């Protein structure tokens, strides 16, 4: 199950557990297996605390700076 989560692509329907914005980071807690989703802002703010507790830290925040492909 963890490998499947790590390869999952977050979509516009995935929302930040702190503020409700689009989630770009998925965190799976090692001890409980609980899943948390965060926007890039809240993931950065909580990373120092949560990363040592996480078995998975799936970060797609790089998508925020990618340029969209333009169709010819």
PDB file of N, CA and C in Angstrom:
ATOM      1  N   UNK A   1       0.819  -1.194   0.000  1.00  0.00           N
ATOM      2  CA  UNK A   1       0.000   0.000   0.000  1.00  0.00           C
ATOM      3  C   UNK A   1       0.860   1.254   0.000  1.00  0.00           C
ATOM      4  N   UNK A   2       1.949   1.277   0.731  1.00  0.00           N
ATOM      5  CA  UNK A   2       2.813   2.451   0.797  1.00  0.00           C
ATOM      6  C   UNK A   2       3.413   2.781  -0.562  1.00  0.00           C
ATOM      7  N   UNK A   3       3.857   1.772  -1.308  1.00  0.00           N
ATOM      8  CA  UNK A   3       4.433   2.013  -2.630  1.00  0.00           C
ATOM      9  C   UNK A   3       3.403   2.630  -3.558  1.00  0.00           C
ATOM     10  N   UNK A   4       2.167   2.170  -3.474  1.00  0.00           N
ATOM     11  CA  UNK A   4       1.109   2.731  -4.318  1.00  0.00           C
ATOM     12  C   UNK A   4       0.867   4.195  -3.974  1.00  0.00           C
ATOM     13  N   UNK A   5       0.919   4.530  -2.704  1.00  0.00           N
ATOM     14  CA  UNK A   5       0.735   5.924  -2.304  1.00  0.00           C
ATOM     15  C   UNK A   5       1.868   6.792  -2.801  1.00  0.00           C
ATOM     16  N   UNK A   6       3.083   6.277  -2.764  1.00  0.00           N
ATOM     17  CA  UNK A   6       4.240   7.063  -3.180  1.00  0.00           C
ATOM     18  C   UNK A   6       4.203   7.373  -4.670  1.00  0.00           C
ATOM     19  N   UNK A   7       3.567   6.514  -5.460  1.00  0.00           N
ATOM     20  CA  UNK A   7       3.503   6.735  -6.898  1.00  0.00           C
ATOM     21  C   UNK A   7       2.239   7.469  -7.313  1.00  0.00           C
ATOM     22  N   UNK A   8       1.365   7.735  -6.402  1.00  0.00           N
ATOM     23  CA  UNK A   8       0.099   8.398  -6.682  1.00  0.00           C
ATOM     24  C   UNK A   8       0.317   9.852  -7.069  1.00  0.00           C
ATOM     25  N   UNK A   9      -0.446  10.326  -8.018  1.00  0.00           N
ATOM     26  CA  UNK A   9      -0.403  11.732  -8.391  1.00  0.00           C
ATOM     27  C   UNK A   9      -1.564  12.432  -7.702  1.00  0.00           C
ATOM     28  N   UNK A  10      -1.245  13.493  -6.988  1.00  0.00           N
ATOM     29  CA  UNK A  10      -2.280  14.264  -6.325  1.00  0.00           C
ATOM     30  C   UNK A  10      -3.038  15.073  -7.376  1.00  0.00           C
ATOM     31  N   UNK A  11      -4.336  15.208  -7.190  1.00  0.00           N
ATOM     32  CA  UNK A  11      -5.175  15.928  -8.145  1.00  0.00           C
ATOM     33  C   UNK A  11      -5.773  17.166  -7.496  1.00  0.00           C
ATOM     34  N   UNK A  12      -6.523  17.912  -8.266  1.00  0.00           N
ATOM     35  CA  UNK A  12      -7.162  19.130  -7.759  1.00  0.00           C
ATOM     36  C   UNK A  12      -8.198  18.827  -6.685  1.00  0.00           C
ATOM     37  N   UNK A  13      -8.653  17.594  -6.600  1.00  0.00           N
ATOM     38  CA  UNK A  13      -9.631  17.251  -5.562  1.00  0.00           C
ATOM     39  C   UNK A  13      -8.969  16.927  -4.226  1.00  0.00           C
ATOM     40  N   UNK A  14      -7.654  16.745  -4.216  1.00  0.00           N
ATOM     41  CA  UNK A  14      -6.921  16.509  -2.966  1.00  0.00           C
ATOM     42  C   UNK A  14      -6.677  17.862  -2.302  1.00  0.00           C
ATOM     43  N   UNK A  15      -7.107  17.995  -1.059  1.00  0.00           N
ATOM     44  CA  UNK A  15      -7.068  19.290  -0.380  1.00  0.00           C
ATOM     45  C   UNK A  15      -6.169  19.246   0.856  1.00  0.00           C
ATOM     46  N   UNK A  16      -5.565  20.386   1.163  1.00  0.00           N
ATOM     47  CA  UNK A  16      -4.698  20.544   2.324  1.00  0.00           C
ATOM     48  C   UNK A  16      -5.510  20.358   3.606  1.00  0.00           C
ATOM     49  N   UNK A  17      -4.977  19.548   4.522  1.00  0.00           N
ATOM     50  CA  UNK A  17      -5.656  19.312   5.798  1.00  0.00           C
ATOM     51  C   UNK A  17      -5.625  20.527   6.721  1.00  0.00           C
ATOM     52  N   UNK A  18      -4.804  21.510   6.422  1.00  0.00           N
ATOM     53  CA  UNK A  18      -4.727  22.719   7.262  1.00  0.00           C
ATOM     54  C   UNK A  18      -5.615  23.842   6.740  1.00  0.00           C
ATOM     55  N   UNK A  19      -5.596  24.094   5.422  1.00  0.00           N
ATOM     56  CA  UNK A  19      -6.272  25.285   4.916  1.00  0.00           C
ATOM     57  C   UNK A  19      -7.272  25.021   3.789  1.00  0.00           C
ATOM     58  N   UNK A  20      -7.285  23.814   3.240  1.00  0.00           N
ATOM     59  CA  UNK A  20      -8.236  23.504   2.182  1.00  0.00           C
ATOM     60  C   UNK A  20      -7.762  23.823   0.772  1.00  0.00           C
ATOM     61  N   UNK A  21      -6.555  24.372   0.625  1.00  0.00           N
ATOM     62  CA  UNK A  21      -6.007  24.642  -0.709  1.00  0.00           C
ATOM     63  C   UNK A  21      -5.626  23.310  -1.366  1.00  0.00           C
ATOM     64  N   UNK A  22      -5.288  23.355  -2.655  1.00  0.00           N
ATOM     65  CA  UNK A  22      -4.894  22.126  -3.351  1.00  0.00           C
ATOM     66  C   UNK A  22      -3.662  21.530  -2.682  1.00  0.00           C
ATOM     67  N   UNK A  23      -3.697  20.224  -2.441  1.00  0.00           N
ATOM     68  CA  UNK A  23      -2.587  19.526  -1.797  1.00  0.00           C
ATOM     69  C   UNK A  23      -1.548  19.110  -2.825  1.00  0.00           C
ATOM     70  N   UNK A  24      -0.286  19.320  -2.478  1.00  0.00           N
ATOM     71  CA  UNK A  24       0.841  18.907  -3.308  1.00  0.00           C
ATOM     72  C   UNK A  24       1.777  17.961  -2.569  1.00  0.00           C
ATOM     73  N   UNK A  25       1.528  17.737  -1.293  1.00  0.00           N
ATOM     74  CA  UNK A  25       2.374  16.843  -0.490  1.00  0.00           C
ATOM     75  C   UNK A  25       1.476  15.861   0.252  1.00  0.00           C
ATOM     76  N   UNK A  26       1.824  14.586   0.130  1.00  0.00           N
ATOM     77  CA  UNK A  26       1.137  13.512   0.846  1.00  0.00           C
ATOM     78  C   UNK A  26       2.117  12.925   1.852  1.00  0.00           C
ATOM     79  N   UNK A  27       1.705  12.849   3.100  1.00  0.00           N
ATOM     80  CA  UNK A  27       2.541  12.317   4.170  1.00  0.00           C
ATOM     81  C   UNK A  27       1.834  11.112   4.768  1.00  0.00           C
ATOM     82  N   UNK A  28       2.564  10.010   4.917  1.00  0.00           N
ATOM     83  CA  UNK A  28       2.037   8.829   5.601  1.00  0.00           C
ATOM     84  C   UNK A  28       2.843   8.672   6.884  1.00  0.00           C
ATOM     85  N   UNK A  29       2.158   8.678   8.011  1.00  0.00           N
ATOM     86  CA  UNK A  29       2.821   8.564   9.301  1.00  0.00           C
ATOM     87  C   UNK A  29       3.208   7.112   9.556  1.00  0.00           C
ATOM     88  N   UNK A  30       4.445   6.920   9.983  1.00  0.00           N
ATOM     89  CA  UNK A  30       4.985   5.568  10.165  1.00  0.00           C
ATOM     90  C   UNK A  30       4.257   4.787  11.257  1.00  0.00           C
ATOM     91  N   UNK A  31       4.026   5.390  12.394  1.00  0.00           N
ATOM     92  CA  UNK A  31       3.460   4.666  13.534  1.00  0.00           C
ATOM     93  C   UNK A  31       2.009   4.242  13.311  1.00  0.00           C
ATOM     94  N   UNK A  32       1.203   5.130  12.759  1.00  0.00           N
ATOM     95  CA  UNK A  32      -0.225   4.842  12.636  1.00  0.00           C
ATOM     96  C   UNK A  32      -0.676   4.500  11.224  1.00  0.00           C
ATOM     97  N   UNK A  33       0.145   4.870  10.238  1.00  0.00           N
ATOM     98  CA  UNK A  33      -0.278   4.677   8.854  1.00  0.00           C
ATOM     99  C   UNK A  33      -1.251   5.745   8.402  1.00  0.00           C
ATOM    100  N   UNK A  34      -1.500   6.721   9.254  1.00  0.00           N
ATOM    101  CA  UNK A  34      -2.405   7.810   8.908  1.00  0.00           C
ATOM    102  C   UNK A  34      -1.853   8.642   7.770  1.00  0.00           C
ATOM    103  N   UNK A  35      -2.756   9.170   6.940  1.00  0.00           N
ATOM    104  CA  UNK A  35      -2.352   9.969   5.788  1.00  0.00           C
ATOM    105  C   UNK A  35      -2.744  11.425   5.995  1.00  0.00           C
ATOM    106  N   UNK A  36      -1.826  12.312   5.660  1.00  0.00           N
ATOM    107  CA  UNK A  36      -2.075  13.740   5.718  1.00  0.00           C
ATOM    108  C   UNK A  36      -1.727  14.341   4.371  1.00  0.00           C
ATOM    109  N   UNK A  37      -2.462  15.369   3.972  1.00  0.00           N
ATOM    110  CA  UNK A  37      -2.187  16.076   2.719  1.00  0.00           C
ATOM    111  C   UNK A  37      -2.021  17.551   3.038  1.00  0.00           C
ATOM    112  N   UNK A  38      -1.034  18.169   2.379  1.00  0.00           N
ATOM    113  CA  UNK A  38      -0.768  19.578   2.639  1.00  0.00           C
ATOM    114  C   UNK A  38      -0.493  20.340   1.353  1.00  0.00           C
ATOM    115  N   UNK A  39      -0.844  21.609   1.349  1.00  0.00           N
ATOM    116  CA  UNK A  39      -0.403  22.505   0.280  1.00  0.00           C
ATOM    117  C   UNK A  39       1.106  22.685   0.455  1.00  0.00           C
ATOM    118  N   UNK A  40       1.765  23.257  -0.525  1.00  0.00           N
ATOM    119  CA  UNK A  40       3.215  23.427  -0.452  1.00  0.00           C
ATOM    120  C   UNK A  40       3.607  24.293   0.752  1.00  0.00           C
ATOM    121  N   UNK A  41       2.844  25.334   1.005  1.00  0.00           N
ATOM    122  CA  UNK A  41       3.147  26.247   2.118  1.00  0.00           C
ATOM    123  C   UNK A  41       3.126  25.514   3.464  1.00  0.00           C
ATOM    124  N   UNK A  42       2.062  24.791   3.739  1.00  0.00           N
ATOM    125  CA  UNK A  42       1.963  24.115   5.032  1.00  0.00           C
ATOM    126  C   UNK A  42       2.900  22.915   5.133  1.00  0.00           C
ATOM    127  N   UNK A  43       3.197  22.271   4.011  1.00  0.00           N
ATOM    128  CA  UNK A  43       4.174  21.175   4.040  1.00  0.00           C
ATOM    129  C   UNK A  43       5.542  21.701   4.456  1.00  0.00           C
ATOM    130  N   UNK A  44       5.938  22.843   3.900  1.00  0.00           N
ATOM    131  CA  UNK A  44       7.233  23.436   4.289  1.00  0.00           C
ATOM    132  C   UNK A  44       7.216  23.845   5.753  1.00  0.00           C
ATOM    133  N   UNK A  45       6.103  24.411   6.206  1.00  0.00           N
ATOM    134  CA  UNK A  45       6.007  24.878   7.588  1.00  0.00           C
ATOM    135  C   UNK A  45       6.067  23.719   8.594  1.00  0.00           C
ATOM    136  N   UNK A  46       5.550  22.556   8.212  1.00  0.00           N
ATOM    137  CA  UNK A  46       5.469  21.419   9.132  1.00  0.00           C
ATOM    138  C   UNK A  46       6.528  20.350   8.886  1.00  0.00           C
ATOM    139  N   UNK A  47       7.326  20.520   7.839  1.00  0.00           N
ATOM    140  CA  UNK A  47       8.261  19.464   7.443  1.00  0.00           C
ATOM    141  C   UNK A  47       9.237  19.077   8.549  1.00  0.00           C
ATOM    142  N   UNK A  48       9.804  20.023   9.226  1.00  0.00           N
ATOM    143  CA  UNK A  48      10.794  19.727  10.276  1.00  0.00           C
ATOM    144  C   UNK A  48      10.198  18.838  11.371  1.00  0.00           C
ATOM    145  N   UNK A  49       8.941  19.042  11.680  1.00  0.00           N
ATOM    146  CA  UNK A  49       8.269  18.252  12.712  1.00  0.00           C
ATOM    147  C   UNK A  49       7.800  16.899  12.191  1.00  0.00           C
ATOM    148  N   UNK A  50       7.224  16.892  10.984  1.00  0.00           N
ATOM    149  CA  UNK A  50       6.592  15.665  10.483  1.00  0.00           C
ATOM    150  C   UNK A  50       7.522  14.691   9.769  1.00  0.00           C
ATOM    151  N   UNK A  51       8.544  15.194   9.087  1.00  0.00           N
ATOM    152  CA  UNK A  51       9.373  14.284   8.289  1.00  0.00           C
ATOM    153  C   UNK A  51       9.974  13.144   9.130  1.00  0.00           C
ATOM    154  N   UNK A  52      10.470  13.373  10.349  1.00  0.00           N
ATOM    155  CA  UNK A  52      11.007  12.249  11.138  1.00  0.00           C
ATOM    156  C   UNK A  52       9.944  11.204  11.513  1.00  0.00           C
ATOM    157  N   UNK A  53       8.678  11.576  11.469  1.00  0.00           N
ATOM    158  CA  UNK A  53       7.590  10.668  11.828  1.00  0.00           C
ATOM    159  C   UNK A  53       6.984   9.964  10.624  1.00  0.00           C
ATOM    160  N   UNK A  54       7.419  10.343   9.415  1.00  0.00           N
ATOM    161  CA  UNK A  54       6.792   9.864   8.186  1.00  0.00           C
ATOM    162  C   UNK A  54       7.504   8.657   7.595  1.00  0.00           C
ATOM    163  N   UNK A  55       6.712   7.718   7.088  1.00  0.00           N
ATOM    164  CA  UNK A  55       7.279   6.607   6.317  1.00  0.00           C
ATOM    165  C   UNK A  55       7.289   6.975   4.834  1.00  0.00           C
ATOM    166  N   UNK A  56       6.395   7.882   4.442  1.00  0.00           N
ATOM    167  CA  UNK A  56       6.337   8.378   3.063  1.00  0.00           C
ATOM    168  C   UNK A  56       6.184   9.887   3.100  1.00  0.00           C
ATOM    169  N   UNK A  57       6.998  10.566   2.301  1.00  0.00           N
ATOM    170  CA  UNK A  57       6.862  12.017   2.105  1.00  0.00           C
ATOM    171  C   UNK A  57       6.835  12.220   0.595  1.00  0.00           C
ATOM    172  N   UNK A  58       5.642  12.244   0.037  1.00  0.00           N
ATOM    173  CA  UNK A  58       5.450  12.328  -1.413  1.00  0.00           C
ATOM    174  C   UNK A  58       5.191  13.792  -1.768  1.00  0.00           C
ATOM    175  N   UNK A  59       6.173  14.435  -2.402  1.00  0.00           N
ATOM    176  CA  UNK A  59       6.125  15.873  -2.663  1.00  0.00           C
ATOM    177  C   UNK A  59       6.014  16.147  -4.158  1.00  0.00           C
ATOM    178  N   UNK A  60       4.907  16.727  -4.564  1.00  0.00           N
ATOM    179  CA  UNK A  60       4.683  17.119  -5.957  1.00  0.00           C
ATOM    180  C   UNK A  60       4.674  18.637  -6.118  1.00  0.00           C
ATOM    181  N   UNK A  61       5.236  19.368  -5.153  1.00  0.00           N
ATOM    182  CA  UNK A  61       5.183  20.829  -5.207  1.00  0.00           C
ATOM    183  C   UNK A  61       5.980  21.401  -6.378  1.00  0.00           C
ATOM    184  N   UNK A  62       6.858  20.607  -6.984  1.00  0.00           N
ATOM    185  CA  UNK A  62       7.575  21.055  -8.175  1.00  0.00           C
ATOM    186  C   UNK A  62       6.634  21.345  -9.335  1.00  0.00           C
ATOM    187  N   UNK A  63       5.440  20.769  -9.291  1.00  0.00           N
ATOM    188  CA  UNK A  63       4.452  21.032 -10.341  1.00  0.00           C
ATOM    189  C   UNK A  63       4.023  22.487 -10.357  1.00  0.00           C
ATOM    190  N   UNK A  64       4.205  23.184  -9.240  1.00  0.00           N
ATOM    191  CA  UNK A  64       3.803  24.593  -9.178  1.00  0.00           C
ATOM    192  C   UNK A  64       4.656  25.478 -10.071  1.00  0.00           C
ATOM    193  N   UNK A  65       5.882  25.074 -10.342  1.00  0.00           N
ATOM    194  CA  UNK A  65       6.782  25.897 -11.151  1.00  0.00           C
ATOM    195  C   UNK A  65       6.994  25.352 -12.558  1.00  0.00           C
ATOM    196  N   UNK A  66       6.355  24.216 -12.894  1.00  0.00           N
ATOM    197  CA  UNK A  66       6.475  23.681 -14.246  1.00  0.00           C
ATOM    198  C   UNK A  66       5.635  24.532 -15.190  1.00  0.00           C
ATOM    199  N   UNK A  67       6.149  24.708 -16.386  1.00  0.00           N
ATOM    200  CA  UNK A  67       5.368  25.412 -17.397  1.00  0.00           C
ATOM    201  C   UNK A  67       4.452  24.427 -18.087  1.00  0.00           C
ATOM    202  N   UNK A  68       3.228  24.837 -18.313  1.00  0.00           N
ATOM    203  CA  UNK A  68       2.278  23.970 -18.996  1.00  0.00           C
ATOM    204  C   UNK A  68       2.676  23.833 -20.468  1.00  0.00           C
ATOM    205  N   UNK A  69       2.480  22.641 -21.004  1.00  0.00           N
ATOM    206  CA  UNK A  69       2.766  22.408 -22.416  1.00  0.00           C
ATOM    207  C   UNK A  69       1.734  23.168 -23.254  1.00  0.00           C
ATOM    208  N   UNK A  70       2.212  23.819 -24.281  1.00  0.00           N
ATOM    209  CA  UNK A  70       1.341  24.586 -25.169  1.00  0.00           C
ATOM    210  C   UNK A  70       1.114  23.780 -26.437  1.00  0.00           C
ATOM    211  N   UNK A  71      -0.149  23.553 -26.750  1.00  0.00           N
ATOM    212  CA  UNK A  71      -0.488  22.808 -27.967  1.00  0.00           C
ATOM    213  C   UNK A  71      -0.319  23.714 -29.185  1.00  0.00           C
ATOM    214  N   UNK A  72       0.220  23.149 -30.262  1.00  0.00           N
ATOM    215  CA  UNK A  72       0.393  23.926 -31.502  1.00  0.00           C
ATOM    216  C   UNK A  72      -0.888  24.055 -32.267  1.00  0.00           C
TER     217      UNK A  72
END
